[in-house]
Amino acid sequence: MWIYEKKLQYPVKIATPNPRLAGLIITALGGPDGEMGAATRYLNQRYTMPDGRVIGTLTDVGSEELGHMEMVASIVYQLTRNLTPDEIKAGGFDKYYVDNGAAIYPSSASGVPFNAMAIASKEDALASITEDLAADAAILQEQPLSKNRRKAL
């Protein structure tokens, strides 16, 4: 069904590690509205859709989300690679690191592991699509960081 290209959809090249930023970005992978939930949601919801065009769209979008997962994981990895224990602690990444080391583990920024409870898939097509819209809207409505919060990162 899929053809995997051995390259990222968009290149990720981060030169300067930043464990504090990695601790925030990890939620884009495994948080409640993250890419892992989105990919799983779309790829599972397609089975109960009554129209082949909607099935195809959900398959396309779910596949795209898999690519997003790979990019976010690459970002987190590059932000945390080759850090010293002091840098990990100073960057607030020590709680994540104690459990996972430098491995990519899908969780929210608050440390809650990815949970399938963040995924809704109903037999009712309208309920499933409404949930998709709500999850995507949650990401779009996040407030930009204030100037002070950006400085802290």
Protein backbone atom coordinates (compact mmCIF):
# COMPACT_ATOMS: atom_id res chain seq x y z
CA MET A 1 0.00 0.00 0.00
CA TRP A 2 2.80 2.45 0.82
CA ILE A 3 5.99 3.34 -0.93
CA TYR A 4 8.58 4.58 1.53
CA GLU A 5 11.09 7.13 0.33
CA LYS A 6 14.22 7.05 2.44
CA LYS A 7 14.28 10.79 2.96
CA LEU A 8 12.30 13.22 5.03
CA GLN A 9 9.48 15.14 3.42
CA TYR A 10 11.33 18.32 4.44
CA PRO A 11 15.00 18.17 5.51
CA VAL A 12 15.70 18.68 9.21
CA LYS A 13 19.16 20.01 9.96
CA ILE A 14 19.56 21.36 13.48
CA ALA A 15 23.10 22.35 14.41
CA THR A 16 22.58 23.50 18.00
CA PRO A 17 21.07 21.12 20.57
CA ASN A 18 18.30 22.54 22.74
CA PRO A 19 16.84 20.11 25.28
CA ARG A 20 14.26 22.62 26.53
CA LEU A 21 12.82 23.03 23.05
CA ALA A 22 12.91 19.25 22.49
CA GLY A 23 10.85 18.83 25.67
CA LEU A 24 8.15 21.02 24.15
CA ILE A 25 8.27 19.68 20.60
CA ILE A 26 7.88 16.06 21.73
CA THR A 27 4.19 16.78 22.29
CA ALA A 28 3.82 17.28 18.51
CA LEU A 29 4.72 13.61 18.21
CA GLY A 30 2.89 11.90 21.06
CA GLY A 31 0.70 14.53 22.69
CA PRO A 32 -3.10 14.45 22.60
CA ASP A 33 -3.22 16.29 19.26
CA GLY A 34 0.12 15.02 17.97
CA GLU A 35 1.08 13.35 14.73
CA MET A 36 0.95 9.81 16.10
CA GLY A 37 -2.67 10.22 17.10
CA ALA A 38 -3.54 11.94 13.83
CA ALA A 39 -1.99 9.21 11.66
CA THR A 40 -3.67 6.45 13.63
CA ARG A 41 -7.01 8.26 13.69
CA TYR A 42 -7.18 8.83 9.93
CA LEU A 43 -5.92 5.39 8.98
CA ASN A 44 -8.42 3.66 11.27
CA GLN A 45 -11.42 5.82 10.48
CA ARG A 46 -11.27 5.03 6.78
CA TYR A 47 -12.68 1.53 7.32
CA THR A 48 -16.16 2.74 8.26
CA MET A 49 -16.48 5.48 5.65
CA PRO A 50 -19.40 5.00 3.25
CA ASP A 51 -17.72 6.61 0.22
CA GLY A 52 -14.56 5.55 -1.61
CA ARG A 53 -13.45 9.17 -2.10
CA VAL A 54 -13.52 9.78 1.65
CA ILE A 55 -11.65 6.51 2.25
CA GLY A 56 -9.00 7.62 -0.22
CA THR A 57 -8.72 11.06 1.38
CA LEU A 58 -8.34 9.61 4.87
CA THR A 59 -5.69 7.19 3.59
CA ASP A 60 -3.80 10.06 1.95
CA VAL A 61 -4.01 12.28 5.03
CA GLY A 62 -3.04 9.44 7.38
CA SER A 63 -0.03 8.64 5.20
CA GLU A 64 0.98 12.31 5.26
CA GLU A 65 0.77 12.27 9.06
CA LEU A 66 3.20 9.33 9.16
CA GLY A 67 5.69 11.56 7.35
CA HIS A 68 5.07 14.30 9.91
CA MET A 69 5.82 11.83 12.71
CA GLU A 70 9.18 11.12 11.12
CA MET A 71 10.04 14.83 10.83
CA VAL A 72 9.06 15.60 14.44
CA ALA A 73 11.07 12.63 15.71
CA SER A 74 14.07 13.86 13.68
CA ILE A 75 13.72 17.32 15.22
CA VAL A 76 13.61 15.95 18.77
CA TYR A 77 16.57 13.66 18.10
CA GLN A 78 18.68 16.44 16.63
CA LEU A 79 17.82 18.78 19.51
CA THR A 80 18.99 16.21 22.07
CA ARG A 81 21.88 14.31 20.49
CA ASN A 82 25.30 14.38 22.13
CA LEU A 83 24.16 16.30 25.20
CA THR A 84 26.11 16.03 28.42
CA PRO A 85 24.29 15.10 31.64
CA ASP A 86 24.69 18.71 32.83
CA GLU A 87 23.12 20.07 29.63
CA ILE A 88 20.24 17.62 29.92
CA LYS A 89 19.53 18.68 33.48
CA ALA A 90 19.96 22.40 32.81
CA GLY A 91 17.58 22.12 29.84
CA GLY A 92 14.86 20.45 31.89
CA PHE A 93 15.07 17.27 29.82
CA ASP A 94 16.25 15.10 32.71
CA LYS A 95 12.87 13.55 33.59
CA TYR A 96 12.36 12.41 30.00
CA TYR A 97 15.99 11.28 29.77
CA VAL A 98 15.84 9.16 32.94
CA ASP A 99 13.08 7.03 31.41
CA ASN A 100 14.05 7.03 27.75
CA GLY A 101 17.63 8.18 27.33
CA ALA A 102 18.12 9.76 23.91
CA ALA A 103 15.51 7.47 22.35
CA ILE A 104 12.43 9.01 20.78
CA TYR A 105 9.46 8.12 22.95
CA PRO A 106 6.07 9.59 22.02
CA SER A 107 4.70 11.61 24.89
CA SER A 108 3.22 14.98 25.65
CA ALA A 109 5.35 17.88 26.81
CA SER A 110 4.09 17.20 30.33
CA GLY A 111 5.50 13.66 30.15
CA VAL A 112 2.28 11.72 29.62
CA PRO A 113 3.02 8.79 27.28
CA PHE A 114 1.07 8.53 24.04
CA ASN A 115 -2.25 6.91 24.71
CA ALA A 116 -4.79 5.59 22.23
CA MET A 117 -7.47 7.37 24.28
CA ALA A 118 -6.53 10.46 22.24
CA ILE A 119 -7.92 8.76 19.13
CA ALA A 120 -11.59 8.72 18.26
CA SER A 121 -12.86 6.36 15.62
CA LYS A 122 -16.60 5.85 15.38
CA GLU A 123 -18.76 3.91 12.99
CA ASP A 124 -20.63 7.17 12.43
CA ALA A 125 -18.69 8.91 9.63
CA LEU A 126 -19.81 12.40 10.67
CA ALA A 127 -18.70 11.82 14.25
CA SER A 128 -15.26 10.68 13.06
CA ILE A 129 -14.79 13.59 10.67
CA THR A 130 -15.98 16.07 13.32
CA GLU A 131 -13.35 14.67 15.68
CA ASP A 132 -10.68 15.08 12.99
CA LEU A 133 -11.65 18.71 12.52
CA ALA A 134 -11.61 19.32 16.28
CA ALA A 135 -8.13 17.79 16.66
CA ASP A 136 -6.73 19.83 13.78
CA ALA A 137 -8.39 23.00 15.08
CA ALA A 138 -6.80 22.46 18.50
CA ILE A 139 -3.36 22.64 16.91
CA LEU A 140 -4.23 25.75 14.90
CA GLN A 141 -5.59 27.60 17.92
CA GLU A 142 -2.50 27.21 20.09
CA GLN A 143 -1.26 30.61 21.15
CA PRO A 144 2.15 31.77 19.97
CA LEU A 145 4.83 32.02 22.63
CA SER A 146 5.15 35.39 24.30
CA LYS A 147 8.44 37.25 23.98
CA ASN A 148 9.40 36.25 27.54
CA ARG A 149 8.65 32.56 26.94
CA ARG A 150 10.68 32.59 23.71
CA LYS A 151 13.65 34.03 25.63
CA ALA A 152 13.40 31.21 28.18
CA LEU A 153 13.85 28.65 25.41
